[in-house]
């Protein structure tokens, strides 16, 4: 499946520093084993697939930028085990998502959510490596 990215994330993905992405995925289309066609310019004449990988797993995520709060959830049966990230884990997650640091990560999410008139984001983390934040 095609997974669109902004141009700013191409180099970090190719360099192996961006190893996950966060998406709404309301219909839960992303599952372990799906092929990921990473591309920019999706649905335009500038479409360019720059990398291909495989989804190695999914985690849930909750982001509240104003409070700099980040939680990663693991689905266990019909329940979710939420793990708040702090300190080095929160910083590591932000860098793994392609940002310079956690301040840039939260600033990005604050801007995204302000456009939606929302204060919180809940979605899914799509992984293409073995690293997890709520193992």
N, C-alpha and C. Protein backbone atom coordinates (compact mmCIF):
# COMPACT_ATOMS: atom_id res chain seq x y z
N UNK A 1 0.83 -1.17 0.00
CA UNK A 1 0.00 0.00 0.00
C UNK A 1 0.88 1.24 0.00
N UNK A 2 0.39 2.28 -0.61
CA UNK A 2 1.13 3.53 -0.69
C UNK A 2 0.97 4.29 0.63
N UNK A 3 2.08 4.80 1.13
CA UNK A 3 2.08 5.60 2.35
C UNK A 3 2.74 6.94 2.00
N UNK A 4 1.95 8.02 1.99
CA UNK A 4 2.49 9.32 1.60
C UNK A 4 3.32 9.97 2.70
N UNK A 5 4.39 10.66 2.28
CA UNK A 5 5.25 11.39 3.19
C UNK A 5 5.53 12.77 2.64
N UNK A 6 5.77 13.71 3.55
CA UNK A 6 6.24 15.03 3.16
C UNK A 6 7.71 14.89 2.76
N UNK A 7 8.14 15.76 1.89
CA UNK A 7 9.52 15.72 1.37
C UNK A 7 10.55 15.76 2.50
N UNK A 8 10.25 16.47 3.58
CA UNK A 8 11.21 16.60 4.70
C UNK A 8 11.57 15.26 5.33
N UNK A 9 10.75 14.23 5.12
CA UNK A 9 11.00 12.94 5.76
C UNK A 9 11.71 11.93 4.85
N UNK A 10 11.92 12.27 3.60
CA UNK A 10 12.56 11.33 2.67
C UNK A 10 13.97 10.97 3.13
N UNK A 11 14.79 11.98 3.37
CA UNK A 11 16.18 11.72 3.75
C UNK A 11 16.29 10.95 5.08
N UNK A 12 15.54 11.34 6.12
CA UNK A 12 15.62 10.56 7.36
C UNK A 12 15.18 9.10 7.19
N UNK A 13 14.22 8.84 6.32
CA UNK A 13 13.80 7.45 6.07
C UNK A 13 14.92 6.70 5.37
N UNK A 14 15.48 7.30 4.33
CA UNK A 14 16.55 6.64 3.58
C UNK A 14 17.81 6.46 4.43
N UNK A 15 18.03 7.39 5.36
CA UNK A 15 19.21 7.29 6.24
C UNK A 15 18.98 6.31 7.40
N UNK A 16 17.73 5.89 7.58
CA UNK A 16 17.42 4.94 8.65
C UNK A 16 17.20 5.56 10.01
N UNK A 17 17.06 6.90 10.06
CA UNK A 17 16.80 7.55 11.34
C UNK A 17 15.30 7.70 11.61
N UNK A 18 14.49 7.82 10.58
CA UNK A 18 13.03 7.80 10.73
C UNK A 18 12.59 6.36 10.49
N UNK A 19 12.16 5.71 11.58
CA UNK A 19 11.86 4.28 11.49
C UNK A 19 10.41 3.96 11.82
N UNK A 20 9.58 5.00 11.89
CA UNK A 20 8.16 4.82 12.16
C UNK A 20 7.40 6.01 11.62
N UNK A 21 6.09 5.87 11.52
CA UNK A 21 5.25 7.00 11.16
C UNK A 21 3.95 6.90 11.93
N UNK A 22 3.31 8.03 12.12
CA UNK A 22 2.06 8.10 12.88
C UNK A 22 0.94 8.47 11.92
N UNK A 23 -0.14 7.72 11.95
CA UNK A 23 -1.28 7.96 11.07
C UNK A 23 -2.59 7.74 11.82
N UNK A 24 -3.67 8.34 11.30
CA UNK A 24 -4.99 8.12 11.88
C UNK A 24 -5.42 6.68 11.68
N UNK A 25 -5.43 6.21 10.47
CA UNK A 25 -5.75 4.82 10.14
C UNK A 25 -7.07 4.37 10.77
N UNK A 26 -8.12 5.16 10.54
CA UNK A 26 -9.44 4.89 11.11
C UNK A 26 -9.99 3.51 10.75
N UNK A 27 -9.65 3.03 9.57
CA UNK A 27 -10.19 1.74 9.11
C UNK A 27 -9.22 0.57 9.36
N UNK A 28 -8.16 0.86 10.12
CA UNK A 28 -7.18 -0.15 10.50
C UNK A 28 -6.68 -0.95 9.29
N UNK A 29 -6.29 -0.21 8.25
CA UNK A 29 -5.78 -0.85 7.03
C UNK A 29 -4.36 -1.36 7.19
N UNK A 30 -3.59 -0.69 8.05
CA UNK A 30 -2.20 -1.10 8.23
C UNK A 30 -2.09 -2.24 9.21
N UNK A 31 -1.46 -3.30 8.74
CA UNK A 31 -1.28 -4.50 9.55
C UNK A 31 0.12 -5.06 9.29
N UNK A 32 0.60 -5.82 10.24
CA UNK A 32 1.90 -6.46 10.09
C UNK A 32 1.93 -7.29 8.81
N UNK A 33 3.02 -7.15 8.05
CA UNK A 33 3.20 -7.91 6.81
C UNK A 33 2.82 -7.15 5.54
N UNK A 34 2.10 -6.05 5.67
CA UNK A 34 1.74 -5.27 4.48
C UNK A 34 2.98 -4.58 3.90
N UNK A 35 3.07 -4.58 2.59
CA UNK A 35 4.16 -3.88 1.91
C UNK A 35 3.87 -2.39 1.95
N UNK A 36 4.89 -1.61 2.29
CA UNK A 36 4.78 -0.16 2.36
C UNK A 36 5.51 0.44 1.16
N UNK A 37 4.78 1.13 0.31
CA UNK A 37 5.36 1.88 -0.80
C UNK A 37 5.43 3.34 -0.34
N UNK A 38 6.61 3.77 0.11
CA UNK A 38 6.79 5.12 0.62
C UNK A 38 6.96 6.08 -0.54
N UNK A 39 6.14 7.15 -0.54
CA UNK A 39 6.13 8.05 -1.69
C UNK A 39 5.85 9.49 -1.29
N UNK A 40 6.27 10.39 -2.17
CA UNK A 40 5.91 11.80 -2.05
C UNK A 40 5.03 12.15 -3.25
N UNK A 41 4.35 13.27 -3.15
CA UNK A 41 3.53 13.73 -4.28
C UNK A 41 2.38 12.79 -4.61
N UNK A 42 1.88 12.08 -3.63
CA UNK A 42 0.79 11.12 -3.87
C UNK A 42 -0.45 11.86 -4.39
N UNK A 43 -1.08 11.26 -5.38
CA UNK A 43 -2.27 11.81 -6.07
C UNK A 43 -1.97 13.11 -6.81
N UNK A 44 -0.72 13.27 -7.25
CA UNK A 44 -0.35 14.40 -8.10
C UNK A 44 0.53 13.89 -9.23
N UNK A 45 0.84 14.77 -10.16
CA UNK A 45 1.74 14.38 -11.25
C UNK A 45 3.18 14.25 -10.78
N UNK A 46 3.45 14.69 -9.54
CA UNK A 46 4.80 14.62 -8.97
C UNK A 46 5.01 13.38 -8.11
N UNK A 47 4.15 12.36 -8.27
CA UNK A 47 4.27 11.12 -7.49
C UNK A 47 5.66 10.52 -7.68
N UNK A 48 6.26 10.14 -6.55
CA UNK A 48 7.57 9.49 -6.59
C UNK A 48 7.68 8.52 -5.43
N UNK A 49 7.80 7.23 -5.76
CA UNK A 49 8.07 6.25 -4.72
C UNK A 49 9.56 6.27 -4.48
N UNK A 50 9.96 6.51 -3.24
CA UNK A 50 11.38 6.62 -2.94
C UNK A 50 11.92 5.45 -2.12
N UNK A 51 11.01 4.62 -1.58
CA UNK A 51 11.47 3.49 -0.77
C UNK A 51 10.35 2.48 -0.63
N UNK A 52 10.73 1.24 -0.35
CA UNK A 52 9.75 0.19 -0.10
C UNK A 52 10.19 -0.60 1.12
N UNK A 53 9.24 -0.95 1.97
CA UNK A 53 9.54 -1.72 3.15
C UNK A 53 8.32 -2.59 3.49
N UNK A 54 8.34 -3.19 4.66
CA UNK A 54 7.23 -4.03 5.11
C UNK A 54 6.83 -3.58 6.51
N UNK A 55 5.55 -3.49 6.77
CA UNK A 55 5.05 -3.16 8.10
C UNK A 55 5.38 -4.31 9.05
N UNK A 56 6.14 -3.99 10.09
CA UNK A 56 6.55 -5.03 11.05
C UNK A 56 5.68 -5.03 12.30
N UNK A 57 4.80 -4.05 12.42
CA UNK A 57 3.92 -4.01 13.58
C UNK A 57 3.25 -2.67 13.75
N UNK A 58 2.25 -2.67 14.60
CA UNK A 58 1.44 -1.48 14.87
C UNK A 58 1.36 -1.27 16.38
N UNK A 59 1.45 -0.02 16.81
CA UNK A 59 1.16 0.35 18.18
C UNK A 59 0.17 1.51 18.13
N UNK A 60 -0.56 1.73 19.19
CA UNK A 60 -1.46 2.88 19.28
C UNK A 60 -0.68 4.05 19.85
N UNK A 61 -1.14 5.26 19.58
CA UNK A 61 -0.45 6.43 20.10
C UNK A 61 -1.47 7.50 20.48
N UNK A 62 -1.15 8.22 21.54
CA UNK A 62 -1.94 9.35 22.02
C UNK A 62 -0.97 10.51 22.24
N UNK A 63 -1.28 11.66 21.63
CA UNK A 63 -0.39 12.83 21.71
C UNK A 63 -1.19 14.04 22.18
N UNK A 64 -0.71 14.70 23.24
CA UNK A 64 -1.28 15.96 23.71
C UNK A 64 -0.14 16.97 23.71
N UNK A 65 -0.01 17.75 22.63
CA UNK A 65 1.15 18.66 22.50
C UNK A 65 1.27 19.70 23.61
N UNK A 66 0.15 20.30 24.02
CA UNK A 66 0.21 21.35 25.04
C UNK A 66 0.83 20.85 26.34
N UNK A 67 0.60 19.60 26.67
CA UNK A 67 1.14 19.01 27.89
C UNK A 67 2.43 18.22 27.62
N UNK A 68 2.87 18.22 26.35
CA UNK A 68 4.02 17.41 25.94
C UNK A 68 3.85 15.97 26.42
N UNK A 69 2.63 15.47 26.26
CA UNK A 69 2.28 14.11 26.71
C UNK A 69 2.23 13.17 25.52
N UNK A 70 2.89 12.03 25.67
CA UNK A 70 2.97 11.02 24.62
C UNK A 70 2.80 9.65 25.27
N UNK A 71 1.78 8.90 24.80
CA UNK A 71 1.55 7.55 25.31
C UNK A 71 1.49 6.59 24.13
N UNK A 72 2.04 5.40 24.35
CA UNK A 72 2.01 4.36 23.33
C UNK A 72 1.24 3.18 23.90
N UNK A 73 0.29 2.68 23.11
CA UNK A 73 -0.55 1.59 23.57
C UNK A 73 -0.31 0.30 22.84
N UNK A 74 -0.44 -0.78 23.59
CA UNK A 74 -0.32 -2.12 23.03
C UNK A 74 -1.67 -2.80 23.20
N UNK A 75 -2.17 -3.38 22.11
CA UNK A 75 -3.46 -4.06 22.15
C UNK A 75 -3.26 -5.46 22.73
N UNK A 76 -4.02 -5.74 23.77
CA UNK A 76 -3.98 -7.05 24.41
C UNK A 76 -5.42 -7.57 24.44
N UNK A 77 -5.73 -8.45 23.52
CA UNK A 77 -7.10 -8.93 23.40
C UNK A 77 -8.02 -7.79 23.01
N UNK A 78 -8.98 -7.48 23.88
CA UNK A 78 -9.90 -6.37 23.61
C UNK A 78 -9.53 -5.13 24.41
N UNK A 79 -8.41 -5.16 25.10
CA UNK A 79 -7.97 -4.03 25.94
C UNK A 79 -6.72 -3.39 25.36
N UNK A 80 -6.42 -2.20 25.85
CA UNK A 80 -5.20 -1.49 25.46
C UNK A 80 -4.39 -1.19 26.71
N UNK A 81 -3.12 -1.56 26.70
CA UNK A 81 -2.19 -1.25 27.78
C UNK A 81 -1.43 0.01 27.36
N UNK A 82 -1.72 1.15 28.01
CA UNK A 82 -1.09 2.42 27.66
C UNK A 82 0.17 2.63 28.51
N UNK A 83 1.22 3.08 27.85
CA UNK A 83 2.49 3.36 28.53
C UNK A 83 2.87 4.81 28.24
N UNK A 84 2.86 5.69 29.25
CA UNK A 84 3.33 7.06 29.04
C UNK A 84 4.84 7.05 28.81
N UNK A 85 5.29 7.79 27.81
CA UNK A 85 6.73 7.91 27.56
C UNK A 85 7.24 9.17 28.23
N UNK A 86 8.42 9.10 28.78
CA UNK A 86 9.02 10.27 29.40
C UNK A 86 10.53 10.23 29.18
N UNK A 87 11.15 11.35 29.42
CA UNK A 87 12.61 11.43 29.35
C UNK A 87 13.19 10.95 28.05
N UNK A 88 14.16 10.05 28.16
CA UNK A 88 14.88 9.55 26.99
C UNK A 88 13.97 8.79 26.03
N UNK A 89 12.96 8.08 26.56
CA UNK A 89 12.05 7.33 25.69
C UNK A 89 11.23 8.27 24.80
N UNK A 90 10.78 9.39 25.37
CA UNK A 90 9.99 10.35 24.61
C UNK A 90 10.87 11.02 23.54
N UNK A 91 12.08 11.36 23.91
CA UNK A 91 13.01 11.96 22.97
C UNK A 91 13.37 10.99 21.84
N UNK A 92 13.61 9.74 22.21
CA UNK A 92 13.94 8.70 21.23
C UNK A 92 12.78 8.49 20.25
N UNK A 93 11.56 8.49 20.75
CA UNK A 93 10.38 8.33 19.89
C UNK A 93 10.31 9.47 18.88
N UNK A 94 10.49 10.71 19.34
CA UNK A 94 10.43 11.88 18.45
C UNK A 94 11.49 11.79 17.35
N UNK A 95 12.69 11.39 17.70
CA UNK A 95 13.77 11.25 16.72
C UNK A 95 13.46 10.10 15.76
N UNK A 96 12.90 9.01 16.27
CA UNK A 96 12.53 7.88 15.42
C UNK A 96 11.41 8.23 14.46
N UNK A 97 10.67 9.30 14.76
CA UNK A 97 9.62 9.78 13.86
C UNK A 97 10.15 10.84 12.89
N UNK A 98 11.45 11.09 12.91
CA UNK A 98 12.06 11.97 11.92
C UNK A 98 12.25 13.41 12.34
N UNK A 99 12.10 13.70 13.63
CA UNK A 99 12.27 15.06 14.12
C UNK A 99 13.63 15.22 14.79
N UNK A 100 14.11 16.47 14.86
CA UNK A 100 15.41 16.74 15.48
C UNK A 100 15.40 16.43 16.97
N UNK A 101 14.26 16.72 17.62
CA UNK A 101 14.13 16.52 19.06
C UNK A 101 12.65 16.51 19.44
N UNK A 102 12.37 16.31 20.71
CA UNK A 102 10.96 16.22 21.11
C UNK A 102 10.26 17.58 21.04
N UNK A 103 11.01 18.68 21.19
CA UNK A 103 10.39 20.00 21.07
C UNK A 103 9.84 20.22 19.65
N UNK A 104 10.62 19.81 18.65
CA UNK A 104 10.17 19.92 17.25
C UNK A 104 8.97 19.00 16.99
N UNK A 105 9.00 17.82 17.59
CA UNK A 105 7.89 16.87 17.46
C UNK A 105 6.60 17.47 17.99
N UNK A 106 6.63 18.00 19.22
CA UNK A 106 5.42 18.57 19.82
C UNK A 106 4.98 19.86 19.12
N UNK A 107 5.93 20.65 18.63
CA UNK A 107 5.56 21.86 17.89
C UNK A 107 4.82 21.49 16.60
N UNK A 108 5.30 20.44 15.92
CA UNK A 108 4.64 19.96 14.71
C UNK A 108 3.21 19.53 15.02
N UNK A 109 3.04 18.71 16.05
CA UNK A 109 1.71 18.21 16.39
C UNK A 109 0.79 19.31 16.89
N UNK A 110 1.34 20.30 17.58
CA UNK A 110 0.53 21.44 18.03
C UNK A 110 -0.04 22.17 16.82
N UNK A 111 0.80 22.40 15.81
CA UNK A 111 0.36 23.09 14.60
C UNK A 111 -0.70 22.27 13.85
N UNK A 112 -0.49 20.97 13.71
CA UNK A 112 -1.44 20.09 13.04
C UNK A 112 -2.79 20.13 13.75
N UNK A 113 -2.78 20.02 15.06
CA UNK A 113 -4.03 19.96 15.81
C UNK A 113 -4.74 21.30 15.88
N UNK A 114 -4.00 22.40 15.89
CA UNK A 114 -4.63 23.72 15.88
C UNK A 114 -5.44 23.93 14.61
N UNK A 115 -4.96 23.40 13.50
CA UNK A 115 -5.69 23.51 12.23
C UNK A 115 -7.00 22.73 12.27
N UNK A 116 -7.04 21.69 13.11
CA UNK A 116 -8.25 20.86 13.24
C UNK A 116 -9.11 21.30 14.42
N UNK A 117 -8.69 22.36 15.11
CA UNK A 117 -9.37 22.82 16.32
C UNK A 117 -9.50 21.70 17.34
N UNK A 118 -8.41 20.99 17.54
CA UNK A 118 -8.38 19.88 18.47
C UNK A 118 -7.17 20.03 19.37
N UNK A 119 -7.16 19.33 20.49
CA UNK A 119 -6.03 19.43 21.42
C UNK A 119 -5.30 18.10 21.59
N UNK A 120 -5.86 17.03 21.01
CA UNK A 120 -5.30 15.70 21.22
C UNK A 120 -5.38 14.89 19.93
N UNK A 121 -4.40 14.02 19.74
CA UNK A 121 -4.41 13.11 18.58
C UNK A 121 -4.33 11.68 19.09
N UNK A 122 -5.18 10.83 18.55
CA UNK A 122 -5.11 9.39 18.81
C UNK A 122 -5.02 8.69 17.46
N UNK A 123 -4.06 7.83 17.32
CA UNK A 123 -3.87 7.13 16.06
C UNK A 123 -3.03 5.89 16.24
N UNK A 124 -2.31 5.55 15.16
CA UNK A 124 -1.52 4.33 15.15
C UNK A 124 -0.09 4.63 14.70
N UNK A 125 0.84 3.91 15.29
CA UNK A 125 2.24 3.98 14.90
C UNK A 125 2.48 2.82 13.94
N UNK A 126 2.96 3.13 12.75
CA UNK A 126 3.29 2.11 11.77
C UNK A 126 4.80 1.92 11.81
N UNK A 127 5.22 0.71 12.11
CA UNK A 127 6.64 0.39 12.23
C UNK A 127 7.14 -0.38 11.00
N UNK A 128 8.40 -0.15 10.62
CA UNK A 128 9.05 -0.98 9.60
C UNK A 128 10.40 -1.49 10.10
N UNK A 129 10.60 -1.44 11.41
CA UNK A 129 11.75 -2.08 12.06
C UNK A 129 11.21 -2.87 13.26
N UNK A 130 12.10 -3.50 14.00
CA UNK A 130 11.69 -4.30 15.15
C UNK A 130 11.49 -3.47 16.42
N UNK A 131 11.91 -2.22 16.41
CA UNK A 131 11.84 -1.40 17.62
C UNK A 131 10.39 -1.11 18.01
N UNK A 132 10.10 -1.20 19.32
CA UNK A 132 8.77 -0.90 19.86
C UNK A 132 8.92 -0.05 21.10
N UNK A 133 7.88 0.69 21.42
CA UNK A 133 7.89 1.57 22.58
C UNK A 133 7.02 1.06 23.71
N UNK A 134 6.19 0.06 23.43
CA UNK A 134 5.40 -0.60 24.48
C UNK A 134 5.44 -2.10 24.16
N UNK A 135 6.62 -2.71 24.38
CA UNK A 135 6.79 -4.13 23.98
C UNK A 135 5.98 -5.10 24.83
